[in-house]
Amino acid sequence: MTTGDFDRYGATRRTLRAFIASYEGLVRTVRDVLVPDPDARPT
């Protein structure tokens, strides 16, 4: 398998997308802790 084939391989793309989605979720959580939304209702 060449590097290009690996980059286009479905399982590779799914794994990368899952890691990116998890990272984005972590960034949202940290942002909300550091800079709370003033318009959000307290829970």
N, C-alpha and C. Protein backbone atom coordinates (compact mmCIF):
# COMPACT_ATOMS: atom_id res chain seq x y z
N MET A 1 0.85 -1.17 0.00
CA MET A 1 0.00 0.00 0.00
C MET A 1 0.90 1.23 0.00
N THR A 2 0.64 2.13 -0.92
CA THR A 2 1.43 3.36 -0.98
C THR A 2 0.88 4.37 0.03
N THR A 3 1.63 5.43 0.24
CA THR A 3 1.19 6.47 1.17
C THR A 3 -0.12 7.08 0.69
N GLY A 4 -0.23 7.32 -0.60
CA GLY A 4 -1.46 7.88 -1.15
C GLY A 4 -2.65 6.95 -0.96
N ASP A 5 -2.42 5.65 -1.16
CA ASP A 5 -3.50 4.68 -0.94
C ASP A 5 -3.92 4.67 0.53
N PHE A 6 -2.95 4.74 1.42
CA PHE A 6 -3.25 4.73 2.85
C PHE A 6 -4.09 5.95 3.23
N ASP A 7 -3.73 7.11 2.68
CA ASP A 7 -4.46 8.34 2.98
C ASP A 7 -5.90 8.29 2.49
N ARG A 8 -6.17 7.52 1.44
CA ARG A 8 -7.52 7.41 0.89
C ARG A 8 -8.28 6.20 1.41
N TYR A 9 -7.65 5.39 2.21
CA TYR A 9 -8.25 4.16 2.73
C TYR A 9 -9.38 4.52 3.70
N GLY A 10 -10.55 3.90 3.51
CA GLY A 10 -11.73 4.25 4.30
C GLY A 10 -11.53 4.16 5.80
N ALA A 11 -10.92 3.09 6.27
CA ALA A 11 -10.73 2.93 7.72
C ALA A 11 -9.82 4.02 8.28
N THR A 12 -8.82 4.43 7.51
CA THR A 12 -7.93 5.49 7.94
C THR A 12 -8.70 6.79 8.08
N ARG A 13 -9.51 7.10 7.09
CA ARG A 13 -10.29 8.33 7.12
C ARG A 13 -11.29 8.33 8.27
N ARG A 14 -11.94 7.20 8.50
CA ARG A 14 -12.90 7.12 9.61
C ARG A 14 -12.20 7.34 10.95
N THR A 15 -11.03 6.73 11.12
CA THR A 15 -10.28 6.89 12.36
C THR A 15 -9.86 8.33 12.56
N LEU A 16 -9.32 8.96 11.52
CA LEU A 16 -8.90 10.35 11.62
C LEU A 16 -10.07 11.26 11.93
N ARG A 17 -11.20 11.02 11.28
CA ARG A 17 -12.38 11.84 11.54
C ARG A 17 -12.86 11.67 12.98
N ALA A 18 -12.79 10.48 13.52
CA ALA A 18 -13.19 10.24 14.90
C ALA A 18 -12.27 10.97 15.87
N PHE A 19 -10.96 10.93 15.62
CA PHE A 19 -10.02 11.65 16.48
C PHE A 19 -10.25 13.15 16.40
N ILE A 20 -10.48 13.67 15.20
CA ILE A 20 -10.71 15.10 15.04
C ILE A 20 -11.99 15.52 15.74
N ALA A 21 -13.05 14.73 15.62
CA ALA A 21 -14.32 15.04 16.29
C ALA A 21 -14.15 15.05 17.81
N SER A 22 -13.39 14.10 18.34
CA SER A 22 -13.14 14.05 19.78
C SER A 22 -12.35 15.27 20.23
N TYR A 23 -11.37 15.65 19.44
CA TYR A 23 -10.55 16.83 19.76
C TYR A 23 -11.42 18.09 19.76
N GLU A 24 -12.30 18.22 18.77
CA GLU A 24 -13.18 19.39 18.71
C GLU A 24 -14.11 19.43 19.92
N GLY A 25 -14.58 18.27 20.35
CA GLY A 25 -15.42 18.22 21.55
C GLY A 25 -14.66 18.67 22.78
N LEU A 26 -13.41 18.25 22.90
CA LEU A 26 -12.57 18.67 24.02
C LEU A 26 -12.34 20.18 23.99
N VAL A 27 -12.07 20.72 22.81
CA VAL A 27 -11.86 22.16 22.68
C VAL A 27 -13.12 22.93 23.10
N ARG A 28 -14.30 22.44 22.70
CA ARG A 28 -15.56 23.10 23.10
C ARG A 28 -15.72 23.08 24.62
N THR A 29 -15.41 21.95 25.24
CA THR A 29 -15.54 21.83 26.69
C THR A 29 -14.60 22.79 27.40
N VAL A 30 -13.35 22.84 26.97
CA VAL A 30 -12.37 23.73 27.59
C VAL A 30 -12.80 25.19 27.39
N ARG A 31 -13.26 25.53 26.19
CA ARG A 31 -13.71 26.89 25.92
C ARG A 31 -14.85 27.27 26.85
N ASP A 32 -15.81 26.36 27.03
CA ASP A 32 -16.96 26.67 27.87
C ASP A 32 -16.57 26.82 29.34
N VAL A 33 -15.54 26.15 29.78
CA VAL A 33 -15.06 26.30 31.15
C VAL A 33 -14.30 27.61 31.31
N LEU A 34 -13.44 27.91 30.35
CA LEU A 34 -12.62 29.12 30.44
C LEU A 34 -13.42 30.39 30.16
N VAL A 35 -14.33 30.32 29.20
CA VAL A 35 -15.12 31.49 28.81
C VAL A 35 -16.58 31.07 28.73
N PRO A 36 -17.26 31.05 29.87
CA PRO A 36 -18.65 30.61 29.87
C PRO A 36 -19.53 31.51 29.00
N ASP A 37 -20.56 30.91 28.41
CA ASP A 37 -21.50 31.63 27.57
C ASP A 37 -22.41 32.47 28.48
N PRO A 38 -22.37 33.80 28.34
CA PRO A 38 -23.18 34.62 29.24
C PRO A 38 -24.69 34.49 28.97
N ASP A 39 -25.07 33.98 27.80
CA ASP A 39 -26.48 33.83 27.46
C ASP A 39 -27.04 32.46 27.84
N ALA A 40 -26.19 31.54 28.27
CA ALA A 40 -26.64 30.19 28.62
C ALA A 40 -27.28 30.21 30.00
N ARG A 41 -28.33 29.44 30.15
CA ARG A 41 -29.00 29.33 31.45
C ARG A 41 -28.18 28.42 32.35
N PRO A 42 -28.07 28.75 33.61
CA PRO A 42 -27.37 27.83 34.52
C PRO A 42 -28.17 26.55 34.69
N THR A 43 -27.46 25.44 34.84
CA THR A 43 -28.13 24.15 35.00
C THR A 43 -28.22 23.76 36.45
